[in-house]
């Protein structure tokens, strides 16, 4: 499997396979890079498969906005995402104290992932359709994306989670 920074300048897309399933694929042309799916339809727990690695995104507490990331089959999280009060920005805390900032655009249609506050790494643009579709742009090469390849799909998962939560509240 190629490292994510090697996809710089390539056309990456995330799309929903079927309107009836919460199953999403990240592809570069015909190459399947990652698959994000929800084992239970109404659950917030999502499983991610990238190559031969598997991860889980989940909320550790029901009424909290935090999201934890763990290797599938293990109990302890490897990273934690904390959302700010307004939900437009959040911080992902990785091992060794590395912090990534996630900024969400209007209606959660755009997600920007920064190393720190101003070093843009990845942009995810969503589109309006019945099936979920998004375009992923890797802005620059970065070791952090290669070391933690699940970061891109976490951004997509967070946007999905926030859209669903705002729809329930209205």
N, C-alpha and C. Protein backbone atom coordinates (compact mmCIF):
# COMPACT_ATOMS: atom_id res chain seq x y z
N UNK A 1 0.83 -1.18 0.00
CA UNK A 1 0.00 0.00 0.00
C UNK A 1 0.88 1.25 0.00
N UNK A 2 0.48 2.22 -0.81
CA UNK A 2 1.21 3.49 -0.87
C UNK A 2 0.96 4.30 0.40
N UNK A 3 1.93 5.16 0.72
CA UNK A 3 1.73 6.08 1.83
C UNK A 3 0.79 7.19 1.35
N UNK A 4 0.04 7.78 2.28
CA UNK A 4 -0.94 8.80 1.91
C UNK A 4 -0.29 10.03 1.28
N UNK A 5 0.90 10.39 1.71
CA UNK A 5 1.55 11.57 1.14
C UNK A 5 1.92 11.34 -0.33
N UNK A 6 1.97 10.09 -0.77
CA UNK A 6 2.26 9.79 -2.17
C UNK A 6 1.05 10.06 -3.07
N UNK A 7 -0.12 10.27 -2.47
CA UNK A 7 -1.33 10.59 -3.24
C UNK A 7 -1.46 12.09 -3.48
N UNK A 8 -0.44 12.86 -3.17
CA UNK A 8 -0.44 14.30 -3.38
C UNK A 8 -0.72 14.59 -4.85
N UNK A 9 -1.74 15.39 -5.11
CA UNK A 9 -2.09 15.77 -6.48
C UNK A 9 -3.00 14.77 -7.19
N UNK A 10 -3.30 13.64 -6.57
CA UNK A 10 -4.18 12.66 -7.21
C UNK A 10 -5.63 12.91 -6.82
N UNK A 11 -6.54 12.36 -7.62
CA UNK A 11 -7.97 12.53 -7.41
C UNK A 11 -8.47 11.46 -6.44
N UNK A 12 -8.69 11.84 -5.18
CA UNK A 12 -9.18 10.92 -4.17
C UNK A 12 -10.65 11.24 -3.90
N UNK A 13 -11.47 10.20 -3.79
CA UNK A 13 -12.89 10.39 -3.54
C UNK A 13 -13.37 9.43 -2.45
N UNK A 14 -14.28 9.95 -1.61
CA UNK A 14 -14.98 9.13 -0.63
C UNK A 14 -16.42 9.06 -1.09
N UNK A 15 -16.95 7.87 -1.21
CA UNK A 15 -18.35 7.77 -1.63
C UNK A 15 -19.05 6.63 -0.91
N UNK A 16 -20.36 6.77 -0.84
CA UNK A 16 -21.22 5.78 -0.20
C UNK A 16 -21.61 4.76 -1.26
N UNK A 17 -21.41 3.50 -0.94
CA UNK A 17 -21.69 2.44 -1.91
C UNK A 17 -23.17 2.29 -2.20
N UNK A 18 -23.99 2.36 -1.16
CA UNK A 18 -25.43 2.19 -1.30
C UNK A 18 -26.14 3.14 -0.36
N UNK A 19 -27.26 3.67 -0.81
CA UNK A 19 -28.03 4.58 0.04
C UNK A 19 -28.59 3.86 1.27
N UNK A 20 -28.73 2.55 1.20
CA UNK A 20 -29.31 1.76 2.29
C UNK A 20 -28.30 1.30 3.31
N UNK A 21 -27.01 1.53 3.05
CA UNK A 21 -25.96 1.08 3.98
C UNK A 21 -25.04 2.24 4.32
N UNK A 22 -24.60 2.26 5.54
CA UNK A 22 -23.62 3.26 5.96
C UNK A 22 -22.23 2.66 5.77
N UNK A 23 -21.84 2.60 4.53
CA UNK A 23 -20.60 1.96 4.10
C UNK A 23 -19.93 2.90 3.10
N UNK A 24 -18.72 3.36 3.41
CA UNK A 24 -18.04 4.36 2.59
C UNK A 24 -16.67 3.86 2.17
N UNK A 25 -16.25 4.24 0.97
CA UNK A 25 -14.95 3.85 0.46
C UNK A 25 -14.15 5.07 0.04
N UNK A 26 -12.86 5.05 0.33
CA UNK A 26 -11.93 6.05 -0.15
C UNK A 26 -11.18 5.41 -1.30
N UNK A 27 -11.26 6.04 -2.46
CA UNK A 27 -10.65 5.47 -3.67
C UNK A 27 -9.81 6.50 -4.41
N UNK A 28 -8.81 5.98 -5.07
CA UNK A 28 -8.03 6.74 -6.04
C UNK A 28 -8.22 6.01 -7.36
N UNK A 29 -9.11 6.52 -8.20
CA UNK A 29 -9.48 5.80 -9.42
C UNK A 29 -10.17 4.50 -9.04
N UNK A 30 -9.62 3.38 -9.45
CA UNK A 30 -10.19 2.08 -9.13
C UNK A 30 -9.56 1.44 -7.89
N UNK A 31 -8.49 2.06 -7.37
CA UNK A 31 -7.79 1.52 -6.22
C UNK A 31 -8.54 1.83 -4.92
N UNK A 32 -8.88 0.80 -4.17
CA UNK A 32 -9.51 0.96 -2.86
C UNK A 32 -8.42 1.23 -1.83
N UNK A 33 -8.52 2.38 -1.16
CA UNK A 33 -7.53 2.76 -0.17
C UNK A 33 -8.03 2.43 1.23
N UNK A 34 -9.28 2.80 1.52
CA UNK A 34 -9.84 2.59 2.86
C UNK A 34 -11.33 2.35 2.78
N UNK A 35 -11.86 1.67 3.79
CA UNK A 35 -13.31 1.41 3.88
C UNK A 35 -13.76 1.73 5.30
N UNK A 36 -14.76 2.60 5.41
CA UNK A 36 -15.35 2.98 6.69
C UNK A 36 -16.79 2.49 6.70
N UNK A 37 -17.14 1.71 7.73
CA UNK A 37 -18.52 1.21 7.79
C UNK A 37 -19.00 1.15 9.23
N UNK A 38 -20.31 1.17 9.37
CA UNK A 38 -20.96 1.09 10.67
C UNK A 38 -21.56 -0.31 10.80
N UNK A 39 -21.11 -1.11 11.77
CA UNK A 39 -21.64 -2.46 11.94
C UNK A 39 -23.14 -2.47 12.25
N UNK A 40 -23.61 -1.47 13.01
CA UNK A 40 -25.03 -1.34 13.32
C UNK A 40 -25.52 -0.03 12.74
N UNK A 41 -26.69 -0.02 12.15
CA UNK A 41 -27.18 1.13 11.40
C UNK A 41 -27.31 2.40 12.25
N UNK A 42 -27.81 2.31 13.47
CA UNK A 42 -28.03 3.50 14.29
C UNK A 42 -26.91 3.77 15.28
N UNK A 43 -25.82 3.07 15.17
CA UNK A 43 -24.71 3.21 16.11
C UNK A 43 -23.76 4.34 15.69
N UNK A 44 -23.03 4.89 16.66
CA UNK A 44 -21.98 5.87 16.38
C UNK A 44 -20.63 5.18 16.20
N UNK A 45 -20.54 3.90 16.53
CA UNK A 45 -19.30 3.15 16.37
C UNK A 45 -19.08 2.86 14.88
N UNK A 46 -17.90 3.24 14.39
CA UNK A 46 -17.55 2.98 13.00
C UNK A 46 -16.25 2.19 12.97
N UNK A 47 -16.14 1.31 12.00
CA UNK A 47 -14.91 0.53 11.81
C UNK A 47 -14.25 0.97 10.52
N UNK A 48 -12.93 1.08 10.57
CA UNK A 48 -12.15 1.53 9.42
C UNK A 48 -11.12 0.47 9.08
N UNK A 49 -11.04 0.14 7.81
CA UNK A 49 -10.04 -0.82 7.34
C UNK A 49 -9.17 -0.12 6.30
N UNK A 50 -7.87 -0.03 6.59
CA UNK A 50 -6.89 0.54 5.68
C UNK A 50 -5.81 -0.50 5.48
N UNK A 51 -5.74 -1.08 4.30
CA UNK A 51 -4.79 -2.16 4.06
C UNK A 51 -5.08 -3.31 4.99
N UNK A 52 -4.11 -3.70 5.80
CA UNK A 52 -4.34 -4.79 6.76
C UNK A 52 -4.51 -4.27 8.19
N UNK A 53 -4.69 -2.96 8.35
CA UNK A 53 -4.90 -2.37 9.67
C UNK A 53 -6.39 -2.06 9.85
N UNK A 54 -6.87 -2.24 11.09
CA UNK A 54 -8.27 -1.95 11.38
C UNK A 54 -8.37 -1.08 12.63
N UNK A 55 -9.23 -0.08 12.57
CA UNK A 55 -9.43 0.87 13.66
C UNK A 55 -10.91 1.01 13.95
N UNK A 56 -11.22 1.57 15.12
CA UNK A 56 -12.60 1.87 15.50
C UNK A 56 -12.68 3.32 15.96
N UNK A 57 -13.70 4.03 15.49
CA UNK A 57 -14.01 5.37 15.96
C UNK A 57 -15.27 5.24 16.81
N UNK A 58 -15.27 5.82 18.00
CA UNK A 58 -16.44 5.67 18.87
C UNK A 58 -16.50 6.81 19.87
N UNK A 59 -17.68 7.01 20.41
CA UNK A 59 -17.86 7.98 21.50
C UNK A 59 -17.73 7.24 22.82
N UNK A 60 -16.80 7.68 23.68
CA UNK A 60 -16.61 6.97 24.95
C UNK A 60 -17.78 7.14 25.92
N UNK A 61 -18.49 8.27 25.83
CA UNK A 61 -19.64 8.51 26.69
C UNK A 61 -20.79 9.01 25.83
N UNK A 62 -21.98 8.64 26.20
CA UNK A 62 -23.17 8.90 25.38
C UNK A 62 -23.42 10.38 25.12
N UNK A 63 -23.37 11.23 26.15
CA UNK A 63 -23.72 12.63 25.99
C UNK A 63 -22.51 13.52 25.72
N UNK A 64 -21.35 12.97 25.50
CA UNK A 64 -20.15 13.76 25.24
C UNK A 64 -19.92 13.87 23.74
N UNK A 65 -19.27 14.94 23.34
CA UNK A 65 -18.94 15.15 21.92
C UNK A 65 -17.60 14.52 21.55
N UNK A 66 -16.84 14.07 22.53
CA UNK A 66 -15.52 13.50 22.27
C UNK A 66 -15.63 12.24 21.42
N UNK A 67 -14.58 11.98 20.66
CA UNK A 67 -14.48 10.74 19.88
C UNK A 67 -13.11 10.14 20.17
N UNK A 68 -13.09 8.85 20.47
CA UNK A 68 -11.84 8.13 20.69
C UNK A 68 -11.56 7.23 19.50
N UNK A 69 -10.28 6.97 19.29
CA UNK A 69 -9.83 6.10 18.20
C UNK A 69 -9.01 4.99 18.84
N UNK A 70 -9.31 3.75 18.45
CA UNK A 70 -8.54 2.62 18.97
C UNK A 70 -8.32 1.62 17.85
N UNK A 71 -7.28 0.80 18.04
CA UNK A 71 -7.03 -0.31 17.13
C UNK A 71 -8.09 -1.35 17.42
N UNK A 72 -8.68 -1.92 16.38
CA UNK A 72 -9.76 -2.89 16.58
C UNK A 72 -9.24 -4.09 17.38
N UNK A 73 -10.04 -4.48 18.37
CA UNK A 73 -9.67 -5.60 19.22
C UNK A 73 -8.98 -5.18 20.51
N UNK A 74 -8.63 -3.90 20.63
CA UNK A 74 -8.00 -3.39 21.84
C UNK A 74 -8.98 -2.48 22.57
N UNK A 75 -8.78 -2.32 23.87
CA UNK A 75 -9.69 -1.55 24.70
C UNK A 75 -9.28 -0.08 24.81
N UNK A 76 -7.98 0.19 24.91
CA UNK A 76 -7.51 1.55 25.15
C UNK A 76 -7.41 2.36 23.86
N UNK A 77 -7.81 3.63 23.92
CA UNK A 77 -7.71 4.49 22.73
C UNK A 77 -6.27 4.90 22.45
N UNK A 78 -5.97 5.13 21.17
CA UNK A 78 -4.65 5.61 20.77
C UNK A 78 -4.67 7.12 20.53
N UNK A 79 -5.87 7.70 20.39
CA UNK A 79 -6.00 9.14 20.17
C UNK A 79 -7.38 9.59 20.62
N UNK A 80 -7.52 10.91 20.82
CA UNK A 80 -8.78 11.46 21.29
C UNK A 80 -9.07 12.77 20.56
N UNK A 81 -10.32 12.94 20.12
CA UNK A 81 -10.75 14.18 19.47
C UNK A 81 -11.71 14.90 20.40
N UNK A 82 -11.44 16.18 20.65
CA UNK A 82 -12.32 17.02 21.47
C UNK A 82 -12.83 18.17 20.62
N UNK A 83 -14.15 18.30 20.59
CA UNK A 83 -14.81 19.35 19.82
C UNK A 83 -14.98 20.59 20.68
N UNK A 84 -14.92 21.78 20.07
CA UNK A 84 -15.19 22.97 20.86
C UNK A 84 -16.69 23.14 21.04
N UNK A 85 -17.10 24.12 21.81
CA UNK A 85 -18.51 24.29 22.17
C UNK A 85 -19.41 24.49 20.95
N UNK A 86 -18.98 25.27 19.99
CA UNK A 86 -19.82 25.60 18.83
C UNK A 86 -19.74 24.54 17.74
N UNK A 87 -18.81 23.61 17.83
CA UNK A 87 -18.73 22.53 16.86
C UNK A 87 -18.10 22.89 15.53
N UNK A 88 -17.47 24.05 15.44
CA UNK A 88 -16.84 24.47 14.18
C UNK A 88 -15.36 24.10 14.13
N UNK A 89 -14.83 23.65 15.25
CA UNK A 89 -13.41 23.39 15.34
C UNK A 89 -13.18 22.35 16.43
N UNK A 90 -12.13 21.56 16.28
CA UNK A 90 -11.80 20.58 17.29
C UNK A 90 -10.33 20.21 17.23
N UNK A 91 -9.85 19.53 18.26
CA UNK A 91 -8.44 19.16 18.35
C UNK A 91 -8.32 17.66 18.52
N UNK A 92 -7.48 17.06 17.70
CA UNK A 92 -7.15 15.64 17.81
C UNK A 92 -5.80 15.54 18.52
N UNK A 93 -5.78 14.84 19.64
CA UNK A 93 -4.55 14.66 20.41
C UNK A 93 -4.02 13.26 20.10
N UNK A 94 -2.84 13.24 19.51
CA UNK A 94 -2.17 11.99 19.13
C UNK A 94 -1.10 11.63 20.15
N UNK A 95 -0.56 10.41 20.07
CA UNK A 95 0.54 10.05 20.97
C UNK A 95 1.71 11.04 20.82
N UNK A 96 2.50 11.16 21.84
CA UNK A 96 3.65 12.08 21.93
C UNK A 96 3.23 13.55 21.94
N UNK A 97 1.94 13.82 22.22
CA UNK A 97 1.48 15.20 22.36
C UNK A 97 1.25 15.95 21.06
N UNK A 98 1.26 15.27 19.95
CA UNK A 98 1.03 15.92 18.66
C UNK A 98 -0.45 16.31 18.58
N UNK A 99 -0.71 17.54 18.11
CA UNK A 99 -2.08 18.05 18.02
C UNK A 99 -2.40 18.44 16.58
N UNK A 100 -3.55 17.96 16.13
CA UNK A 100 -4.08 18.35 14.82
C UNK A 100 -5.36 19.11 15.05
N UNK A 101 -5.57 20.17 14.29
CA UNK A 101 -6.78 20.96 14.40
C UNK A 101 -7.69 20.64 13.21
N UNK A 102 -8.95 20.36 13.50
CA UNK A 102 -9.96 20.10 12.48
C UNK A 102 -10.90 21.30 12.44
N UNK A 103 -11.08 21.89 11.26
CA UNK A 103 -12.01 23.02 11.11
C UNK A 103 -13.10 22.59 10.14
N UNK A 104 -14.34 22.85 10.55
CA UNK A 104 -15.49 22.42 9.77
C UNK A 104 -16.17 23.64 9.14
N UNK A 105 -16.46 23.53 7.85
CA UNK A 105 -17.12 24.61 7.14
C UNK A 105 -18.61 24.62 7.40
N UNK A 106 -19.29 25.52 6.71
CA UNK A 106 -20.73 25.70 6.84
C UNK A 106 -21.45 24.42 6.40
N UNK A 107 -22.41 23.96 7.16
CA UNK A 107 -23.15 22.71 6.92
C UNK A 107 -22.25 21.48 6.87
N UNK A 108 -21.06 21.57 7.42
CA UNK A 108 -20.10 20.45 7.48
C UNK A 108 -19.75 19.95 6.08
N UNK A 109 -19.78 20.84 5.09
CA UNK A 109 -19.46 20.45 3.72
C UNK A 109 -17.98 20.49 3.44
N UNK A 110 -17.20 21.16 4.30
CA UNK A 110 -15.77 21.20 4.10
C UNK A 110 -15.08 20.95 5.42
N UNK A 111 -14.07 20.10 5.39
CA UNK A 111 -13.27 19.81 6.57
C UNK A 111 -11.83 20.12 6.22
N UNK A 112 -11.16 20.87 7.06
CA UNK A 112 -9.75 21.15 6.87
C UNK A 112 -8.99 20.59 8.06
N UNK A 113 -7.89 19.91 7.78
CA UNK A 113 -7.08 19.30 8.84
C UNK A 113 -5.72 20.00 8.84
N UNK A 114 -5.38 20.59 10.00
CA UNK A 114 -4.15 21.35 10.15
C UNK A 114 -3.23 20.69 11.16
N UNK A 115 -1.94 20.78 10.91
CA UNK A 115 -0.94 20.43 11.92
C UNK A 115 -0.70 21.71 12.70
N UNK A 116 -1.10 21.73 13.96
CA UNK A 116 -1.09 22.97 14.73
C UNK A 116 -2.30 23.80 14.35
N UNK A 117 -2.12 25.10 14.15
CA UNK A 117 -3.23 25.99 13.81
C UNK A 117 -3.22 26.45 12.36
N UNK A 118 -2.06 26.45 11.71
CA UNK A 118 -2.00 27.08 10.39
C UNK A 118 -1.35 26.26 9.29
N UNK A 119 -0.89 25.06 9.57
CA UNK A 119 -0.20 24.24 8.58
C UNK A 119 -1.20 23.26 7.95
N UNK A 120 -1.87 23.67 6.86
CA UNK A 120 -2.92 22.86 6.23
C UNK A 120 -2.35 21.60 5.60
N UNK A 121 -2.92 20.44 5.99
CA UNK A 121 -2.48 19.14 5.46
C UNK A 121 -3.47 18.56 4.46
N UNK A 122 -4.76 18.54 4.84
CA UNK A 122 -5.79 17.86 4.04
C UNK A 122 -7.06 18.71 4.02
N UNK A 123 -7.74 18.71 2.87
CA UNK A 123 -9.06 19.32 2.75
C UNK A 123 -10.02 18.28 2.21
N UNK A 124 -11.20 18.20 2.81
CA UNK A 124 -12.25 17.29 2.34
C UNK A 124 -13.46 18.13 1.96
N UNK A 125 -13.86 18.06 0.69
CA UNK A 125 -15.02 18.81 0.20
C UNK A 125 -16.18 17.85 0.00
N UNK A 126 -17.29 18.09 0.67
CA UNK A 126 -18.49 17.28 0.49
C UNK A 126 -19.36 17.86 -0.61
N UNK A 127 -20.25 17.03 -1.16
CA UNK A 127 -21.18 17.50 -2.19
C UNK A 127 -22.59 17.08 -1.82
N UNK A 128 -23.56 17.82 -2.34
CA UNK A 128 -24.96 17.52 -2.07
C UNK A 128 -25.45 16.44 -3.03
N UNK A 129 -25.88 15.34 -2.48
CA UNK A 129 -26.49 14.27 -3.27
C UNK A 129 -27.18 13.31 -2.31
N UNK A 130 -27.94 12.39 -2.86
CA UNK A 130 -28.62 11.41 -2.01
C UNK A 130 -27.59 10.51 -1.34
N UNK A 131 -26.63 10.05 -2.12
CA UNK A 131 -25.53 9.28 -1.55
C UNK A 131 -24.43 10.27 -1.17
N UNK A 132 -23.74 9.97 -0.12
CA UNK A 132 -22.67 10.84 0.36
C UNK A 132 -21.47 10.74 -0.57
N UNK A 133 -20.94 11.88 -1.00
CA UNK A 133 -19.74 11.92 -1.84
C UNK A 133 -18.85 13.05 -1.37
N UNK A 134 -17.56 12.81 -1.36
CA UNK A 134 -16.61 13.84 -0.95
C UNK A 134 -15.34 13.70 -1.76
N UNK A 135 -14.69 14.84 -1.96
CA UNK A 135 -13.42 14.88 -2.66
C UNK A 135 -12.34 15.20 -1.64
N UNK A 136 -11.25 14.45 -1.66
CA UNK A 136 -10.16 14.62 -0.71
C UNK A 136 -8.96 15.22 -1.44
N UNK A 137 -8.42 16.29 -0.86
CA UNK A 137 -7.23 16.93 -1.44
C UNK A 137 -6.13 16.90 -0.39
N UNK A 138 -5.03 16.24 -0.71
CA UNK A 138 -3.87 16.24 0.17
C UNK A 138 -3.04 17.45 -0.24
N UNK A 139 -2.95 18.42 0.66
CA UNK A 139 -2.34 19.71 0.34
C UNK A 139 -0.81 19.66 0.31
N UNK A 140 -0.20 18.86 1.18
CA UNK A 140 1.26 18.76 1.21
C UNK A 140 1.68 17.44 1.82
N UNK A 141 2.91 17.06 1.52
CA UNK A 141 3.46 15.83 2.10
C UNK A 141 3.68 16.04 3.60
N UNK A 142 3.31 15.01 4.37
CA UNK A 142 3.51 15.11 5.82
C UNK A 142 3.66 13.70 6.40
N UNK A 143 4.65 13.54 7.25
CA UNK A 143 4.88 12.25 7.89
C UNK A 143 3.71 11.85 8.78
N UNK A 144 3.03 12.83 9.36
CA UNK A 144 1.93 12.55 10.29
C UNK A 144 0.80 11.80 9.59
N UNK A 145 0.53 12.12 8.33
CA UNK A 145 -0.52 11.43 7.57
C UNK A 145 -0.09 10.00 7.24
N UNK A 146 1.20 9.82 7.00
CA UNK A 146 1.71 8.47 6.72
C UNK A 146 1.73 7.61 7.97
N UNK A 147 2.07 8.22 9.10
CA UNK A 147 2.14 7.49 10.36
C UNK A 147 0.76 7.13 10.90
N UNK A 148 -0.20 8.04 10.72
CA UNK A 148 -1.58 7.83 11.18
C UNK A 148 -2.52 7.96 9.98
N UNK A 149 -2.62 6.93 9.15
CA UNK A 149 -3.40 7.04 7.91
C UNK A 149 -4.91 7.18 8.12
N UNK A 150 -5.39 6.91 9.31
CA UNK A 150 -6.82 6.99 9.61
C UNK A 150 -7.30 8.42 9.80
N UNK A 151 -6.41 9.39 9.85
CA UNK A 151 -6.78 10.79 10.12
C UNK A 151 -7.77 11.32 9.08
N UNK A 152 -7.56 11.01 7.81
CA UNK A 152 -8.44 11.52 6.75
C UNK A 152 -9.86 10.99 6.93
N UNK A 153 -9.99 9.71 7.17
CA UNK A 153 -11.33 9.13 7.34
C UNK A 153 -11.96 9.57 8.67
N UNK A 154 -11.14 9.92 9.66
CA UNK A 154 -11.69 10.47 10.89
C UNK A 154 -12.38 11.80 10.62
N UNK A 155 -11.78 12.64 9.79
CA UNK A 155 -12.41 13.91 9.43
C UNK A 155 -13.77 13.69 8.77
N UNK A 156 -13.84 12.73 7.87
CA UNK A 156 -15.10 12.40 7.20
C UNK A 156 -16.11 11.87 8.23
N UNK A 157 -15.67 10.99 9.12
CA UNK A 157 -16.54 10.42 10.16
C UNK A 157 -17.11 11.52 11.05
N UNK A 158 -16.26 12.46 11.46
CA UNK A 158 -16.71 13.55 12.32
C UNK A 158 -17.76 14.41 11.64
N UNK A 159 -17.58 14.68 10.36
CA UNK A 159 -18.58 15.46 9.62
C UNK A 159 -19.90 14.70 9.57
N UNK A 160 -19.84 13.39 9.33
CA UNK A 160 -21.05 12.56 9.31
C UNK A 160 -21.76 12.60 10.67
N UNK A 161 -20.98 12.47 11.72
CA UNK A 161 -21.52 12.46 13.08
C UNK A 161 -22.20 13.79 13.41
N UNK A 162 -21.56 14.89 13.04
CA UNK A 162 -22.11 16.21 13.33
C UNK A 162 -23.37 16.49 12.51
N UNK A 163 -23.39 16.06 11.27
CA UNK A 163 -24.59 16.23 10.44
C UNK A 163 -25.76 15.45 11.03
N UNK A 164 -25.48 14.23 11.45
CA UNK A 164 -26.53 13.40 12.04
C UNK A 164 -27.05 13.98 13.34
N UNK A 165 -26.15 14.48 14.16
CA UNK A 165 -26.54 15.06 15.44
C UNK A 165 -27.35 16.35 15.25
N UNK A 166 -26.99 17.16 14.27
CA UNK A 166 -27.73 18.40 14.03
C UNK A 166 -29.10 18.10 13.44
N UNK A 167 -29.22 17.04 12.66
CA UNK A 167 -30.52 16.65 12.11
C UNK A 167 -31.45 16.14 13.20
N UNK A 168 -30.90 15.46 14.19
CA UNK A 168 -31.71 14.95 15.29
C UNK A 168 -32.21 16.09 16.15
N UNK A 169 -31.37 17.12 16.33
CA UNK A 169 -31.74 18.24 17.20
C UNK A 169 -32.76 19.19 16.60
N UNK A 170 -32.94 19.16 15.29
CA UNK A 170 -33.86 20.13 14.67
C UNK A 170 -35.27 19.58 14.53
